[in-house]
Amino acid sequence: MSIDKSLRRRASLMRQRSVLTRAERIKILQEQDRWTEGRSPFGLPKVRVRKVVLKKAKKAKEEAAPAAQTPATPAETKEAKKK
């Protein structure tokens, strides 16, 4: 049975989870070469949860804007004043 769209939480996974599922822990152990096939999935060792830090897009836009507006050479400013 599925849940109705009006009852769903919109930002349910917007924040970082501090606990991983067993499958996620096994996947990380495999990536770190700490997992052997045939091992019991119970009693897994601890795995550090990686927190993803997202930089704000606003700062990136502000840094790009001054680069686009390079200062004009003196010759260009004289031509602009004449027009």
PDB file of N, CA and C in Angstrom:
ATOM      1  N   MET A   1       0.840  -1.170   0.000  1.00  0.00           N
ATOM      2  CA  MET A   1       0.000   0.000   0.000  1.00  0.00           C
ATOM      3  C   MET A   1       0.897   1.249   0.000  1.00  0.00           C
ATOM      4  N   SER A   2       0.607   2.187  -0.841  1.00  0.00           N
ATOM      5  CA  SER A   2       1.442   3.386  -0.930  1.00  0.00           C
ATOM      6  C   SER A   2       0.800   4.528  -0.148  1.00  0.00           C
ATOM      7  N   ILE A   3       1.617   5.526   0.127  1.00  0.00           N
ATOM      8  CA  ILE A   3       1.144   6.679   0.878  1.00  0.00           C
ATOM      9  C   ILE A   3       0.670   7.757  -0.096  1.00  0.00           C
ATOM     10  N   ASP A   4      -0.351   8.457   0.291  1.00  0.00           N
ATOM     11  CA  ASP A   4      -0.906   9.509  -0.548  1.00  0.00           C
ATOM     12  C   ASP A   4       0.084  10.672  -0.650  1.00  0.00           C
ATOM     13  N   LYS A   5       0.126  11.335  -1.800  1.00  0.00           N
ATOM     14  CA  LYS A   5       1.062  12.439  -2.025  1.00  0.00           C
ATOM     15  C   LYS A   5       0.860  13.576  -1.033  1.00  0.00           C
ATOM     16  N   SER A   6      -0.368  13.814  -0.615  1.00  0.00           N
ATOM     17  CA  SER A   6      -0.627  14.916   0.306  1.00  0.00           C
ATOM     18  C   SER A   6      -0.084  14.635   1.702  1.00  0.00           C
ATOM     19  N   LEU A   7       0.177  13.377   2.023  1.00  0.00           N
ATOM     20  CA  LEU A   7       0.660  13.017   3.345  1.00  0.00           C
ATOM     21  C   LEU A   7       2.179  12.859   3.405  1.00  0.00           C
ATOM     22  N   ARG A   8       2.830  12.898   2.279  1.00  0.00           N
ATOM     23  CA  ARG A   8       4.282  12.754   2.250  1.00  0.00           C
ATOM     24  C   ARG A   8       4.958  13.991   2.795  1.00  0.00           C
ATOM     25  N   ARG A   9       6.083  13.770   3.433  1.00  0.00           N
ATOM     26  CA  ARG A   9       6.883  14.896   3.900  1.00  0.00           C
ATOM     27  C   ARG A   9       7.749  15.359   2.744  1.00  0.00           C
ATOM     28  N   ARG A  10       7.710  16.608   2.453  1.00  0.00           N
ATOM     29  CA  ARG A  10       8.396  17.123   1.261  1.00  0.00           C
ATOM     30  C   ARG A  10       9.908  17.151   1.426  1.00  0.00           C
ATOM     31  N   ALA A  11      10.380  17.497   2.589  1.00  0.00           N
ATOM     32  CA  ALA A  11      11.827  17.597   2.802  1.00  0.00           C
ATOM     33  C   ALA A  11      12.289  16.501   3.752  1.00  0.00           C
ATOM     34  N   SER A  12      11.861  15.294   3.515  1.00  0.00           N
ATOM     35  CA  SER A  12      12.158  14.226   4.456  1.00  0.00           C
ATOM     36  C   SER A  12      13.640  13.876   4.498  1.00  0.00           C
ATOM     37  N   LEU A  13      14.343  13.934   3.387  1.00  0.00           N
ATOM     38  CA  LEU A  13      15.765  13.581   3.373  1.00  0.00           C
ATOM     39  C   LEU A  13      16.642  14.755   2.971  1.00  0.00           C
ATOM     40  N   MET A  14      16.255  15.940   3.348  1.00  0.00           N
ATOM     41  CA  MET A  14      17.043  17.110   2.986  1.00  0.00           C
ATOM     42  C   MET A  14      18.302  17.228   3.840  1.00  0.00           C
ATOM     43  N   ARG A  15      18.301  16.650   5.024  1.00  0.00           N
ATOM     44  CA  ARG A  15      19.462  16.748   5.886  1.00  0.00           C
ATOM     45  C   ARG A  15      20.246  15.447   5.862  1.00  0.00           C
ATOM     46  N   GLN A  16      21.443  15.490   6.398  1.00  0.00           N
ATOM     47  CA  GLN A  16      22.325  14.333   6.403  1.00  0.00           C
ATOM     48  C   GLN A  16      21.880  13.338   7.467  1.00  0.00           C
ATOM     49  N   ARG A  17      21.799  12.072   7.087  1.00  0.00           N
ATOM     50  CA  ARG A  17      21.459  11.032   8.049  1.00  0.00           C
ATOM     51  C   ARG A  17      22.707  10.635   8.822  1.00  0.00           C
ATOM     52  N   SER A  18      22.543  10.302  10.079  1.00  0.00           N
ATOM     53  CA  SER A  18      23.689   9.907  10.889  1.00  0.00           C
ATOM     54  C   SER A  18      23.822   8.395  10.996  1.00  0.00           C
ATOM     55  N   VAL A  19      22.860   7.649  10.497  1.00  0.00           N
ATOM     56  CA  VAL A  19      22.883   6.192  10.577  1.00  0.00           C
ATOM     57  C   VAL A  19      22.710   5.624   9.175  1.00  0.00           C
ATOM     58  N   LEU A  20      23.551   4.644   8.835  1.00  0.00           N
ATOM     59  CA  LEU A  20      23.465   4.005   7.530  1.00  0.00           C
ATOM     60  C   LEU A  20      22.726   2.674   7.651  1.00  0.00           C
ATOM     61  N   THR A  21      22.097   2.264   6.582  1.00  0.00           N
ATOM     62  CA  THR A  21      21.463   0.952   6.570  1.00  0.00           C
ATOM     63  C   THR A  21      22.549  -0.110   6.442  1.00  0.00           C
ATOM     64  N   ARG A  22      22.186  -1.351   6.695  1.00  0.00           N
ATOM     65  CA  ARG A  22      23.158  -2.444   6.622  1.00  0.00           C
ATOM     66  C   ARG A  22      23.734  -2.549   5.208  1.00  0.00           C
ATOM     67  N   ALA A  23      22.875  -2.393   4.196  1.00  0.00           N
ATOM     68  CA  ALA A  23      23.340  -2.479   2.808  1.00  0.00           C
ATOM     69  C   ALA A  23      24.324  -1.360   2.482  1.00  0.00           C
ATOM     70  N   GLU A  24      24.059  -0.156   2.981  1.00  0.00           N
ATOM     71  CA  GLU A  24      24.966   0.967   2.741  1.00  0.00           C
ATOM     72  C   GLU A  24      26.313   0.733   3.428  1.00  0.00           C
ATOM     73  N   ARG A  25      26.285   0.172   4.622  1.00  0.00           N
ATOM     74  CA  ARG A  25      27.534  -0.112   5.339  1.00  0.00           C
ATOM     75  C   ARG A  25      28.350  -1.172   4.608  1.00  0.00           C
ATOM     76  N   ILE A  26      27.677  -2.196   4.098  1.00  0.00           N
ATOM     77  CA  ILE A  26      28.386  -3.249   3.354  1.00  0.00           C
ATOM     78  C   ILE A  26      29.004  -2.670   2.087  1.00  0.00           C
ATOM     79  N   LYS A  27      28.270  -1.793   1.417  1.00  0.00           N
ATOM     80  CA  LYS A  27      28.784  -1.171   0.194  1.00  0.00           C
ATOM     81  C   LYS A  27      30.046  -0.357   0.479  1.00  0.00           C
ATOM     82  N   ILE A  28      30.052   0.401   1.563  1.00  0.00           N
ATOM     83  CA  ILE A  28      31.224   1.198   1.925  1.00  0.00           C
ATOM     84  C   ILE A  28      32.384   0.292   2.300  1.00  0.00           C
ATOM     85  N   LEU A  29      32.104  -0.803   3.017  1.00  0.00           N
ATOM     86  CA  LEU A  29      33.160  -1.750   3.372  1.00  0.00           C
ATOM     87  C   LEU A  29      33.767  -2.394   2.125  1.00  0.00           C
ATOM     88  N   GLN A  30      32.930  -2.665   1.120  1.00  0.00           N
ATOM     89  CA  GLN A  30      33.445  -3.223  -0.131  1.00  0.00           C
ATOM     90  C   GLN A  30      34.341  -2.228  -0.850  1.00  0.00           C
ATOM     91  N   GLU A  31      33.958  -0.943  -0.843  1.00  0.00           N
ATOM     92  CA  GLU A  31      34.769   0.093  -1.486  1.00  0.00           C
ATOM     93  C   GLU A  31      36.125   0.236  -0.796  1.00  0.00           C
ATOM     94  N   GLN A  32      36.155   0.004   0.522  1.00  0.00           N
ATOM     95  CA  GLN A  32      37.387   0.132   1.300  1.00  0.00           C
ATOM     96  C   GLN A  32      38.162  -1.187   1.365  1.00  0.00           C
ATOM     97  N   ASP A  33      37.695  -2.204   0.656  1.00  0.00           N
ATOM     98  CA  ASP A  33      38.309  -3.542   0.653  1.00  0.00           C
ATOM     99  C   ASP A  33      38.384  -4.134   2.054  1.00  0.00           C
ATOM    100  N   ARG A  34      37.366  -3.893   2.867  1.00  0.00           N
ATOM    101  CA  ARG A  34      37.296  -4.445   4.216  1.00  0.00           C
ATOM    102  C   ARG A  34      36.205  -5.514   4.325  1.00  0.00           C
ATOM    103  N   TRP A  35      35.609  -5.887   3.204  1.00  0.00           N
ATOM    104  CA  TRP A  35      34.513  -6.849   3.197  1.00  0.00           C
ATOM    105  C   TRP A  35      34.925  -8.080   2.412  1.00  0.00           C
ATOM    106  N   THR A  36      34.669  -9.269   2.978  1.00  0.00           N
ATOM    107  CA  THR A  36      34.947 -10.518   2.278  1.00  0.00           C
ATOM    108  C   THR A  36      33.627 -11.212   2.002  1.00  0.00           C
ATOM    109  N   GLU A  37      33.524 -11.810   0.837  1.00  0.00           N
ATOM    110  CA  GLU A  37      32.298 -12.520   0.464  1.00  0.00           C
ATOM    111  C   GLU A  37      32.071 -13.698   1.402  1.00  0.00           C
ATOM    112  N   GLY A  38      30.827 -13.946   1.725  1.00  0.00           N
ATOM    113  CA  GLY A  38      30.475 -15.043   2.600  1.00  0.00           C
ATOM    114  C   GLY A  38      30.474 -14.657   4.073  1.00  0.00           C
ATOM    115  N   ARG A  39      30.851 -13.439   4.373  1.00  0.00           N
ATOM    116  CA  ARG A  39      30.874 -12.966   5.750  1.00  0.00           C
ATOM    117  C   ARG A  39      29.448 -12.694   6.217  1.00  0.00           C
ATOM    118  N   SER A  40      29.192 -12.860   7.488  1.00  0.00           N
ATOM    119  CA  SER A  40      27.861 -12.616   8.041  1.00  0.00           C
ATOM    120  C   SER A  40      27.567 -11.111   8.010  1.00  0.00           C
ATOM    121  N   PRO A  41      26.362 -10.718   7.602  1.00  0.00           N
ATOM    122  CA  PRO A  41      26.024  -9.293   7.581  1.00  0.00           C
ATOM    123  C   PRO A  41      25.700  -8.736   8.968  1.00  0.00           C
ATOM    124  N   PHE A  42      25.758  -9.573   9.987  1.00  0.00           N
ATOM    125  CA  PHE A  42      25.484  -9.127  11.353  1.00  0.00           C
ATOM    126  C   PHE A  42      26.796  -8.800  12.055  1.00  0.00           C
ATOM    127  N   GLY A  43      26.760  -7.843  12.948  1.00  0.00           N
ATOM    128  CA  GLY A  43      27.954  -7.460  13.687  1.00  0.00           C
ATOM    129  C   GLY A  43      28.980  -6.757  12.826  1.00  0.00           C
ATOM    130  N   LEU A  44      28.520  -5.896  11.951  1.00  0.00           N
ATOM    131  CA  LEU A  44      29.431  -5.167  11.060  1.00  0.00           C
ATOM    132  C   LEU A  44      30.258  -4.151  11.840  1.00  0.00           C
ATOM    133  N   PRO A  45      31.482  -3.883  11.396  1.00  0.00           N
ATOM    134  CA  PRO A  45      32.266  -2.840  12.055  1.00  0.00           C
ATOM    135  C   PRO A  45      31.682  -1.464  11.765  1.00  0.00           C
ATOM    136  N   LYS A  46      32.066  -0.509  12.592  1.00  0.00           N
ATOM    137  CA  LYS A  46      31.573   0.852  12.412  1.00  0.00           C
ATOM    138  C   LYS A  46      32.126   1.445  11.126  1.00  0.00           C
ATOM    139  N   VAL A  47      31.311   2.278  10.511  1.00  0.00           N
ATOM    140  CA  VAL A  47      31.701   2.958   9.273  1.00  0.00           C
ATOM    141  C   VAL A  47      31.423   4.437   9.455  1.00  0.00           C
ATOM    142  N   ARG A  48      32.399   5.246   9.135  1.00  0.00           N
ATOM    143  CA  ARG A  48      32.233   6.696   9.275  1.00  0.00           C
ATOM    144  C   ARG A  48      31.246   7.221   8.239  1.00  0.00           C
ATOM    145  N   VAL A  49      30.339   8.076   8.682  1.00  0.00           N
ATOM    146  CA  VAL A  49      29.357   8.679   7.790  1.00  0.00           C
ATOM    147  C   VAL A  49      29.973   9.931   7.203  1.00  0.00           C
ATOM    148  N   ARG A  50      30.028   9.965   5.880  1.00  0.00           N
ATOM    149  CA  ARG A  50      30.606  11.121   5.194  1.00  0.00           C
ATOM    150  C   ARG A  50      29.551  12.196   5.050  1.00  0.00           C
ATOM    151  N   LYS A  51      29.857  13.369   5.552  1.00  0.00           N
ATOM    152  CA  LYS A  51      28.922  14.483   5.429  1.00  0.00           C
ATOM    153  C   LYS A  51      29.261  15.260   4.169  1.00  0.00           C
ATOM    154  N   VAL A  52      28.257  15.534   3.377  1.00  0.00           N
ATOM    155  CA  VAL A  52      28.445  16.262   2.137  1.00  0.00           C
ATOM    156  C   VAL A  52      28.156  17.731   2.407  1.00  0.00           C
ATOM    157  N   VAL A  53      29.121  18.573   2.111  1.00  0.00           N
ATOM    158  CA  VAL A  53      28.966  20.003   2.312  1.00  0.00           C
ATOM    159  C   VAL A  53      28.768  20.643   0.954  1.00  0.00           C
ATOM    160  N   LEU A  54      27.650  21.322   0.802  1.00  0.00           N
ATOM    161  CA  LEU A  54      27.346  22.000  -0.457  1.00  0.00           C
ATOM    162  C   LEU A  54      27.623  23.482  -0.302  1.00  0.00           C
ATOM    163  N   LYS A  55      28.388  24.012  -1.225  1.00  0.00           N
ATOM    164  CA  LYS A  55      28.651  25.445  -1.202  1.00  0.00           C
ATOM    165  C   LYS A  55      27.466  26.175  -1.804  1.00  0.00           C
ATOM    166  N   LYS A  56      27.252  27.351  -1.328  1.00  0.00           N
ATOM    167  CA  LYS A  56      26.129  28.134  -1.826  1.00  0.00           C
ATOM    168  C   LYS A  56      26.422  28.633  -3.237  1.00  0.00           C
ATOM    169  N   ALA A  57      25.415  28.583  -4.087  1.00  0.00           N
ATOM    170  CA  ALA A  57      25.578  29.001  -5.479  1.00  0.00           C
ATOM    171  C   ALA A  57      25.736  30.518  -5.573  1.00  0.00           C
ATOM    172  N   LYS A  58      25.245  31.233  -4.594  1.00  0.00           N
ATOM    173  CA  LYS A  58      25.309  32.688  -4.623  1.00  0.00           C
ATOM    174  C   LYS A  58      26.755  33.172  -4.631  1.00  0.00           C
ATOM    175  N   LYS A  59      27.609  32.547  -3.833  1.00  0.00           N
ATOM    176  CA  LYS A  59      29.011  32.951  -3.799  1.00  0.00           C
ATOM    177  C   LYS A  59      29.695  32.685  -5.133  1.00  0.00           C
ATOM    178  N   ALA A  60      29.342  31.597  -5.773  1.00  0.00           N
ATOM    179  CA  ALA A  60      29.944  31.267  -7.060  1.00  0.00           C
ATOM    180  C   ALA A  60      29.545  32.297  -8.110  1.00  0.00           C
ATOM    181  N   LYS A  61      28.307  32.741  -8.065  1.00  0.00           N
ATOM    182  CA  LYS A  61      27.845  33.751  -9.021  1.00  0.00           C
ATOM    183  C   LYS A  61      28.537  35.082  -8.775  1.00  0.00           C
ATOM    184  N   GLU A  62      28.751  35.436  -7.512  1.00  0.00           N
ATOM    185  CA  GLU A  62      29.414  36.698  -7.203  1.00  0.00           C
ATOM    186  C   GLU A  62      30.869  36.675  -7.652  1.00  0.00           C
ATOM    187  N   GLU A  63      31.517  35.534  -7.568  1.00  0.00           N
ATOM    188  CA  GLU A  63      32.902  35.435  -8.003  1.00  0.00           C
ATOM    189  C   GLU A  63      33.005  35.483  -9.525  1.00  0.00           C
ATOM    190  N   ALA A  64      32.012  34.960 -10.208  1.00  0.00           N
ATOM    191  CA  ALA A  64      32.041  34.946 -11.666  1.00  0.00           C
ATOM    192  C   ALA A  64      31.738  36.330 -12.239  1.00  0.00           C
ATOM    193  N   ALA A  65      30.920  37.111 -11.573  1.00  0.00           N
ATOM    194  CA  ALA A  65      30.527  38.423 -12.081  1.00  0.00           C
ATOM    195  C   ALA A  65      31.712  39.388 -12.172  1.00  0.00           C
ATOM    196  N   PRO A  66      32.544  39.545 -11.147  1.00  0.00           N
ATOM    197  CA  PRO A  66      33.684  40.459 -11.292  1.00  0.00           C
ATOM    198  C   PRO A  66      34.673  40.000 -12.351  1.00  0.00           C
ATOM    199  N   ALA A  67      34.806  38.723 -12.561  1.00  0.00           N
ATOM    200  CA  ALA A  67      35.723  38.235 -13.587  1.00  0.00           C
ATOM    201  C   ALA A  67      35.223  38.622 -14.977  1.00  0.00           C
ATOM    202  N   ALA A  68      33.919  38.647 -15.161  1.00  0.00           N
ATOM    203  CA  ALA A  68      33.342  39.007 -16.448  1.00  0.00           C
ATOM    204  C   ALA A  68      33.492  40.511 -16.708  1.00  0.00           C
ATOM    205  N   GLN A  69      33.503  41.300 -15.648  1.00  0.00           N
ATOM    206  CA  GLN A  69      33.607  42.753 -15.784  1.00  0.00           C
ATOM    207  C   GLN A  69      35.063  43.165 -15.578  1.00  0.00           C
ATOM    208  N   THR A  70      35.900  42.849 -16.546  1.00  0.00           N
ATOM    209  CA  THR A  70      37.309  43.210 -16.448  1.00  0.00           C
ATOM    210  C   THR A  70      37.459  44.710 -16.680  1.00  0.00           C
ATOM    211  N   PRO A  71      38.405  45.333 -16.025  1.00  0.00           N
ATOM    212  CA  PRO A  71      38.591  46.771 -16.226  1.00  0.00           C
ATOM    213  C   PRO A  71      39.054  47.066 -17.653  1.00  0.00           C
ATOM    214  N   ALA A  72      38.510  48.088 -18.209  1.00  0.00           N
ATOM    215  CA  ALA A  72      38.825  48.457 -19.587  1.00  0.00           C
ATOM    216  C   ALA A  72      40.185  49.151 -19.650  1.00  0.00           C
ATOM    217  N   THR A  73      40.829  49.017 -20.781  1.00  0.00           N
ATOM    218  CA  THR A  73      42.114  49.689 -20.981  1.00  0.00           C
ATOM    219  C   THR A  73      41.849  51.177 -21.193  1.00  0.00           C
ATOM    220  N   PRO A  74      42.837  52.028 -20.981  1.00  0.00           N
ATOM    221  CA  PRO A  74      42.631  53.472 -21.170  1.00  0.00           C
ATOM    222  C   PRO A  74      42.176  53.827 -22.584  1.00  0.00           C
ATOM    223  N   ALA A  75      42.634  53.089 -23.586  1.00  0.00           N
ATOM    224  CA  ALA A  75      42.233  53.374 -24.966  1.00  0.00           C
ATOM    225  C   ALA A  75      40.740  53.085 -25.154  1.00  0.00           C
ATOM    226  N   GLU A  76      40.264  52.029 -24.541  1.00  0.00           N
ATOM    227  CA  GLU A  76      38.841  51.678 -24.672  1.00  0.00           C
ATOM    228  C   GLU A  76      37.965  52.709 -23.972  1.00  0.00           C
ATOM    229  N   THR A  77      38.407  53.231 -22.848  1.00  0.00           N
ATOM    230  CA  THR A  77      37.599  54.221 -22.131  1.00  0.00           C
ATOM    231  C   THR A  77      37.516  55.517 -22.920  1.00  0.00           C
ATOM    232  N   LYS A  78      38.587  55.896 -23.604  1.00  0.00           N
ATOM    233  CA  LYS A  78      38.571  57.121 -24.420  1.00  0.00           C
ATOM    234  C   LYS A  78      37.599  56.969 -25.570  1.00  0.00           C
ATOM    235  N   GLU A  79      37.574  55.787 -26.220  1.00  0.00           N
ATOM    236  CA  GLU A  79      36.652  55.552 -27.327  1.00  0.00           C
ATOM    237  C   GLU A  79      35.205  55.546 -26.847  1.00  0.00           C
ATOM    238  N   ALA A  80      34.976  55.031 -25.686  1.00  0.00           N
ATOM    239  CA  ALA A  80      33.616  54.989 -25.142  1.00  0.00           C
ATOM    240  C   ALA A  80      33.128  56.392 -24.815  1.00  0.00           C
ATOM    241  N   LYS A  81      34.032  57.271 -24.336  1.00  0.00           N
ATOM    242  CA  LYS A  81      33.648  58.638 -24.002  1.00  0.00           C
ATOM    243  C   LYS A  81      33.329  59.446 -25.253  1.00  0.00           C
ATOM    244  N   LYS A  82      34.018  59.153 -26.372  1.00  0.00           N
ATOM    245  CA  LYS A  82      33.787  59.877 -27.602  1.00  0.00           C
ATOM    246  C   LYS A  82      32.401  59.582 -28.177  1.00  0.00           C
ATOM    247  N   LYS A  83      31.921  58.358 -27.992  1.00  0.00           N
ATOM    248  CA  LYS A  83      30.627  57.959 -28.542  1.00  0.00           C
ATOM    249  C   LYS A  83      29.552  58.505 -27.724  1.00  0.00           C
TER     250      LYS A  83
END
